[in-house]
Amino acid sequence: MYKVVVENECACFIKSKKPYEQEFEKSFLAYMAAEEMVEYMQKNFCKRHDFRVDKSTDGYTYKVKMF
């Protein structure tokens, strides 16, 4: 299983009620979900942070990080 995990949840993320963690059968599905989440966050959140997707060292987790 491949996971998408949000690290360092900001207040906007918590208010959005989006899932903190999601699981997928295929790597590309997890990556696409992570990228879609980043795009949503960039467009709809308060604009104080930037977000990006990083693949973890285990190769099975995509982390959505706030900067």
C-alpha atoms as a PDB file:
ATOM      1  CA  MET A   1       0.000   0.000   0.000  1.00  0.00           C
ATOM      2  CA  TYR A   2       1.088   3.552  -0.752  1.00  0.00           C
ATOM      3  CA  LYS A   3       0.233   6.424   1.558  1.00  0.00           C
ATOM      4  CA  VAL A   4      -0.270  10.162   1.333  1.00  0.00           C
ATOM      5  CA  VAL A   5       0.416  11.851   4.667  1.00  0.00           C
ATOM      6  CA  VAL A   6       0.116  15.534   5.552  1.00  0.00           C
ATOM      7  CA  GLU A   7       2.937  16.753   7.782  1.00  0.00           C
ATOM      8  CA  ASN A   8       2.757  19.832  10.001  1.00  0.00           C
ATOM      9  CA  GLU A   9      -0.967  20.415   9.619  1.00  0.00           C
ATOM     10  CA  CYS A  10      -1.759  24.123   9.577  1.00  0.00           C
ATOM     11  CA  ALA A  11      -5.001  25.608  10.909  1.00  0.00           C
ATOM     12  CA  CYS A  12      -6.405  25.893   7.374  1.00  0.00           C
ATOM     13  CA  PHE A  13      -5.857  22.188   6.808  1.00  0.00           C
ATOM     14  CA  ILE A  14      -7.521  21.266  10.091  1.00  0.00           C
ATOM     15  CA  LYS A  15     -10.526  23.476   9.263  1.00  0.00           C
ATOM     16  CA  SER A  16     -10.833  21.912   5.804  1.00  0.00           C
ATOM     17  CA  LYS A  17     -11.645  18.492   7.297  1.00  0.00           C
ATOM     18  CA  LYS A  18      -9.498  16.860   4.603  1.00  0.00           C
ATOM     19  CA  PRO A  19      -8.095  13.456   5.574  1.00  0.00           C
ATOM     20  CA  TYR A  20      -4.664  13.545   7.224  1.00  0.00           C
ATOM     21  CA  GLU A  21      -3.704  10.187   5.719  1.00  0.00           C
ATOM     22  CA  GLN A  22      -4.897   8.229   2.680  1.00  0.00           C
ATOM     23  CA  GLU A  23      -3.924   4.812   1.293  1.00  0.00           C
ATOM     24  CA  PHE A  24      -3.746   3.680  -2.336  1.00  0.00           C
ATOM     25  CA  GLU A  25      -2.989   0.437  -4.153  1.00  0.00           C
ATOM     26  CA  LYS A  26      -0.703   2.022  -6.744  1.00  0.00           C
ATOM     27  CA  SER A  27       2.122   4.520  -6.459  1.00  0.00           C
ATOM     28  CA  PHE A  28       0.915   6.786  -9.262  1.00  0.00           C
ATOM     29  CA  LEU A  29      -2.541   7.071  -7.652  1.00  0.00           C
ATOM     30  CA  ALA A  30      -0.977   8.155  -4.361  1.00  0.00           C
ATOM     31  CA  TYR A  31       1.250  10.661  -6.139  1.00  0.00           C
ATOM     32  CA  MET A  32      -1.668  12.103  -8.110  1.00  0.00           C
ATOM     33  CA  ALA A  33      -3.746  12.442  -4.913  1.00  0.00           C
ATOM     34  CA  ALA A  34      -0.854  14.200  -3.164  1.00  0.00           C
ATOM     35  CA  GLU A  35      -0.396  16.617  -6.072  1.00  0.00           C
ATOM     36  CA  GLU A  36      -4.134  17.332  -6.175  1.00  0.00           C
ATOM     37  CA  MET A  37      -4.081  18.027  -2.453  1.00  0.00           C
ATOM     38  CA  VAL A  38      -1.174  20.452  -2.840  1.00  0.00           C
ATOM     39  CA  GLU A  39      -2.978  22.240  -5.674  1.00  0.00           C
ATOM     40  CA  TYR A  40      -6.151  22.518  -3.570  1.00  0.00           C
ATOM     41  CA  MET A  41      -4.195  23.818  -0.587  1.00  0.00           C
ATOM     42  CA  GLN A  42      -2.315  26.400  -2.683  1.00  0.00           C
ATOM     43  CA  LYS A  43      -5.552  27.737  -4.161  1.00  0.00           C
ATOM     44  CA  ASN A  44      -7.874  27.625  -1.140  1.00  0.00           C
ATOM     45  CA  PHE A  45      -5.806  28.152   1.973  1.00  0.00           C
ATOM     46  CA  CYS A  46      -4.692  31.422   3.567  1.00  0.00           C
ATOM     47  CA  LYS A  47      -1.600  31.893   1.342  1.00  0.00           C
ATOM     48  CA  ARG A  48       0.784  32.117   4.324  1.00  0.00           C
ATOM     49  CA  HIS A  49       2.434  28.815   3.434  1.00  0.00           C
ATOM     50  CA  ASP A  50       3.648  26.947   0.402  1.00  0.00           C
ATOM     51  CA  PHE A  51       3.129  23.228   0.020  1.00  0.00           C
ATOM     52  CA  ARG A  52       4.941  20.489  -1.860  1.00  0.00           C
ATOM     53  CA  VAL A  53       5.062  16.716  -2.197  1.00  0.00           C
ATOM     54  CA  ASP A  54       8.115  14.739  -1.096  1.00  0.00           C
ATOM     55  CA  LYS A  55       8.552  10.999  -1.465  1.00  0.00           C
ATOM     56  CA  SER A  56       9.789   9.376   1.728  1.00  0.00           C
ATOM     57  CA  THR A  57      12.861   7.176   1.890  1.00  0.00           C
ATOM     58  CA  ASP A  58      10.736   4.041   2.253  1.00  0.00           C
ATOM     59  CA  GLY A  59       9.323   4.648  -1.239  1.00  0.00           C
ATOM     60  CA  TYR A  60       5.752   3.978  -0.125  1.00  0.00           C
ATOM     61  CA  THR A  61       4.789   7.315   1.401  1.00  0.00           C
ATOM     62  CA  TYR A  62       4.213  10.685  -0.218  1.00  0.00           C
ATOM     63  CA  LYS A  63       4.432  13.513   2.285  1.00  0.00           C
ATOM     64  CA  VAL A  64       2.599  16.771   1.744  1.00  0.00           C
ATOM     65  CA  LYS A  65       4.813  19.317   3.479  1.00  0.00           C
ATOM     66  CA  MET A  66       4.159  22.905   4.473  1.00  0.00           C
ATOM     67  CA  PHE A  67       6.862  25.573   4.111  1.00  0.00           C
END
